[in-house]
C-alpha cells in the first residue's frame, strides 16, 4: 500500500458532505484497507478514529465483522453455512454504520 496513515486521525466527519465523489470513497477505502492490514498482522493500530460515539462504535463493529468475514472465507470457504452467517452479520453491521454515520461503506463483497 502506498499510503501511510500511521499516527494520523481518521475523522469520520471528513467523509460526510453533500457531495461524495469517487476520490473521497477511495480515501475511505484506503483507510479501511490499512486498518485491516494492521489487524491481520496482529499489530497495534496507531490510528485514532474520530466522530461521535455511536458512529465510532458502528465503524469499529463493521470493521471487525469485515475481518471476521474474511477469516471465515479463508477457514471455511465461500459455500459454508458459517460463512453465510458471518456475511449476514457483516451486512447488518455495514447497514448500521451507514445509517448512523450517513457514510457509504466502500467495500462490497
C-alpha atoms as a PDB file:
ATOM      1  CA  UNK A   1       0.000   0.000   0.000  1.00  0.00           C
ATOM      2  CA  UNK A   2       1.376   3.382  -0.914  1.00  0.00           C
ATOM      3  CA  UNK A   3      -0.447   5.346   1.811  1.00  0.00           C
ATOM      4  CA  UNK A   4       0.884   5.643   5.337  1.00  0.00           C
ATOM      5  CA  UNK A   5      -1.792   6.510   7.858  1.00  0.00           C
ATOM      6  CA  UNK A   6       0.248   5.726  10.956  1.00  0.00           C
ATOM      7  CA  UNK A   7      -0.314   8.107  13.888  1.00  0.00           C
ATOM      8  CA  UNK A   8      -2.988  10.020  11.981  1.00  0.00           C
ATOM      9  CA  UNK A   9      -6.608  10.612  12.902  1.00  0.00           C
ATOM     10  CA  UNK A  10      -9.416   9.010  10.927  1.00  0.00           C
ATOM     11  CA  UNK A  11     -12.131  11.635  11.220  1.00  0.00           C
ATOM     12  CA  UNK A  12     -15.417  10.186  10.026  1.00  0.00           C
ATOM     13  CA  UNK A  13     -16.780  13.708   9.555  1.00  0.00           C
ATOM     14  CA  UNK A  14     -14.315  14.196   6.682  1.00  0.00           C
ATOM     15  CA  UNK A  15     -16.279  11.636   4.660  1.00  0.00           C
ATOM     16  CA  UNK A  16     -19.640  13.334   5.088  1.00  0.00           C
ATOM     17  CA  UNK A  17     -20.974  16.051   2.917  1.00  0.00           C
ATOM     18  CA  UNK A  18     -23.487  16.948   0.289  1.00  0.00           C
ATOM     19  CA  UNK A  19     -21.276  15.568  -2.466  1.00  0.00           C
ATOM     20  CA  UNK A  20     -19.437  12.287  -2.095  1.00  0.00           C
ATOM     21  CA  UNK A  21     -17.185  11.680  -5.030  1.00  0.00           C
ATOM     22  CA  UNK A  22     -15.075   8.712  -6.000  1.00  0.00           C
ATOM     23  CA  UNK A  23     -11.887  10.236  -4.563  1.00  0.00           C
ATOM     24  CA  UNK A  24     -13.416  10.559  -1.095  1.00  0.00           C
ATOM     25  CA  UNK A  25     -14.616   6.953  -1.193  1.00  0.00           C
ATOM     26  CA  UNK A  26     -11.173   5.829  -2.386  1.00  0.00           C
ATOM     27  CA  UNK A  27      -9.527   7.532   0.586  1.00  0.00           C
ATOM     28  CA  UNK A  28     -12.036   5.931   2.970  1.00  0.00           C
ATOM     29  CA  UNK A  29     -11.431   2.530   1.346  1.00  0.00           C
ATOM     30  CA  UNK A  30      -7.667   3.045   1.736  1.00  0.00           C
ATOM     31  CA  UNK A  31      -8.177   3.751   5.448  1.00  0.00           C
ATOM     32  CA  UNK A  32     -10.154   0.530   5.827  1.00  0.00           C
ATOM     33  CA  UNK A  33      -7.533  -1.426   3.872  1.00  0.00           C
ATOM     34  CA  UNK A  34      -4.809  -0.005   6.116  1.00  0.00           C
ATOM     35  CA  UNK A  35      -6.697  -0.840   9.311  1.00  0.00           C
ATOM     36  CA  UNK A  36      -7.494  -4.378   8.142  1.00  0.00           C
ATOM     37  CA  UNK A  37      -3.850  -4.978   7.220  1.00  0.00           C
ATOM     38  CA  UNK A  38      -2.792  -3.900  10.716  1.00  0.00           C
ATOM     39  CA  UNK A  39      -5.448  -6.174  12.234  1.00  0.00           C
ATOM     40  CA  UNK A  40      -4.182  -9.153  10.210  1.00  0.00           C
ATOM     41  CA  UNK A  41      -0.612  -8.521  11.255  1.00  0.00           C
ATOM     42  CA  UNK A  42      -1.723  -8.521  14.885  1.00  0.00           C
ATOM     43  CA  UNK A  43      -0.107  -5.192  15.472  1.00  0.00           C
ATOM     44  CA  UNK A  44      -1.207  -2.190  17.436  1.00  0.00           C
ATOM     45  CA  UNK A  45      -3.340   0.079  15.310  1.00  0.00           C
ATOM     46  CA  UNK A  46      -1.739   3.537  15.588  1.00  0.00           C
ATOM     47  CA  UNK A  47      -4.823   5.440  14.470  1.00  0.00           C
ATOM     48  CA  UNK A  48      -7.385   7.450  16.392  1.00  0.00           C
ATOM     49  CA  UNK A  49     -10.924   7.300  14.995  1.00  0.00           C
ATOM     50  CA  UNK A  50     -12.919  10.482  15.500  1.00  0.00           C
ATOM     51  CA  UNK A  51     -16.641  11.088  15.253  1.00  0.00           C
ATOM     52  CA  UNK A  52     -19.498  10.785  17.668  1.00  0.00           C
ATOM     53  CA  UNK A  53     -19.592   7.780  19.988  1.00  0.00           C
ATOM     54  CA  UNK A  54     -22.275   5.908  18.029  1.00  0.00           C
ATOM     55  CA  UNK A  55     -20.505   6.442  14.681  1.00  0.00           C
ATOM     56  CA  UNK A  56     -17.173   5.233  16.055  1.00  0.00           C
ATOM     57  CA  UNK A  57     -18.787   2.180  17.672  1.00  0.00           C
ATOM     58  CA  UNK A  58     -20.643   1.236  14.479  1.00  0.00           C
ATOM     59  CA  UNK A  59     -17.487   1.805  12.396  1.00  0.00           C
ATOM     60  CA  UNK A  60     -15.486  -0.459  14.710  1.00  0.00           C
ATOM     61  CA  UNK A  61     -18.217  -3.109  14.607  1.00  0.00           C
ATOM     62  CA  UNK A  62     -18.320  -3.052  10.795  1.00  0.00           C
ATOM     63  CA  UNK A  63     -14.525  -3.226  10.566  1.00  0.00           C
ATOM     64  CA  UNK A  64     -14.304  -6.173  12.983  1.00  0.00           C
ATOM     65  CA  UNK A  65     -17.078  -8.002  11.120  1.00  0.00           C
ATOM     66  CA  UNK A  66     -15.290  -7.342   7.818  1.00  0.00           C
ATOM     67  CA  UNK A  67     -12.181  -9.050   9.202  1.00  0.00           C
ATOM     68  CA  UNK A  68     -14.196 -11.951  10.640  1.00  0.00           C
ATOM     69  CA  UNK A  69     -15.897 -12.498   7.289  1.00  0.00           C
ATOM     70  CA  UNK A  70     -12.513 -12.661   5.552  1.00  0.00           C
ATOM     71  CA  UNK A  71     -11.297 -15.088   8.229  1.00  0.00           C
ATOM     72  CA  UNK A  72     -14.342 -17.313   7.691  1.00  0.00           C
ATOM     73  CA  UNK A  73     -13.810 -17.323   3.927  1.00  0.00           C
ATOM     74  CA  UNK A  74     -10.214 -18.392   4.448  1.00  0.00           C
ATOM     75  CA  UNK A  75     -11.088 -21.053   7.035  1.00  0.00           C
ATOM     76  CA  UNK A  76     -14.364 -22.495   5.708  1.00  0.00           C
ATOM     77  CA  UNK A  77     -14.658 -21.327   2.097  1.00  0.00           C
ATOM     78  CA  UNK A  78     -17.431 -19.312   0.479  1.00  0.00           C
ATOM     79  CA  UNK A  79     -20.070 -22.065   0.395  1.00  0.00           C
ATOM     80  CA  UNK A  80     -20.082 -22.919   4.101  1.00  0.00           C
ATOM     81  CA  UNK A  81     -23.144 -22.015   6.231  1.00  0.00           C
ATOM     82  CA  UNK A  82     -20.842 -20.462   8.849  1.00  0.00           C
ATOM     83  CA  UNK A  83     -19.507 -18.092   6.185  1.00  0.00           C
ATOM     84  CA  UNK A  84     -23.048 -17.177   5.111  1.00  0.00           C
ATOM     85  CA  UNK A  85     -23.929 -16.471   8.736  1.00  0.00           C
ATOM     86  CA  UNK A  86     -20.924 -14.191   9.160  1.00  0.00           C
ATOM     87  CA  UNK A  87     -21.763 -12.432   5.877  1.00  0.00           C
ATOM     88  CA  UNK A  88     -25.233 -11.684   7.263  1.00  0.00           C
ATOM     89  CA  UNK A  89     -23.676 -10.237  10.431  1.00  0.00           C
ATOM     90  CA  UNK A  90     -21.349  -8.123   8.298  1.00  0.00           C
ATOM     91  CA  UNK A  91     -24.267  -6.823   6.228  1.00  0.00           C
ATOM     92  CA  UNK A  92     -26.134  -5.813   9.398  1.00  0.00           C
ATOM     93  CA  UNK A  93     -23.032  -4.061  10.779  1.00  0.00           C
ATOM     94  CA  UNK A  94     -22.470  -2.191   7.500  1.00  0.00           C
ATOM     95  CA  UNK A  95     -26.108  -1.077   7.298  1.00  0.00           C
ATOM     96  CA  UNK A  96     -25.961   0.118  10.900  1.00  0.00           C
ATOM     97  CA  UNK A  97     -22.785   2.100  10.164  1.00  0.00           C
ATOM     98  CA  UNK A  98     -24.261   3.629   7.006  1.00  0.00           C
ATOM     99  CA  UNK A  99     -27.450   4.566   8.851  1.00  0.00           C
ATOM    100  CA  UNK A 100     -25.693   6.039  11.894  1.00  0.00           C
ATOM    101  CA  UNK A 101     -22.786   7.786  10.162  1.00  0.00           C
ATOM    102  CA  UNK A 102     -24.510   8.548   6.841  1.00  0.00           C
ATOM    103  CA  UNK A 103     -21.370   7.399   5.044  1.00  0.00           C
ATOM    104  CA  UNK A 104     -21.331   4.698   2.366  1.00  0.00           C
ATOM    105  CA  UNK A 105     -19.188   1.660   3.234  1.00  0.00           C
ATOM    106  CA  UNK A 106     -16.750   1.484   0.303  1.00  0.00           C
ATOM    107  CA  UNK A 107     -16.121  -2.289   0.353  1.00  0.00           C
ATOM    108  CA  UNK A 108     -18.720  -4.613  -1.129  1.00  0.00           C
ATOM    109  CA  UNK A 109     -18.160  -8.363  -1.019  1.00  0.00           C
END
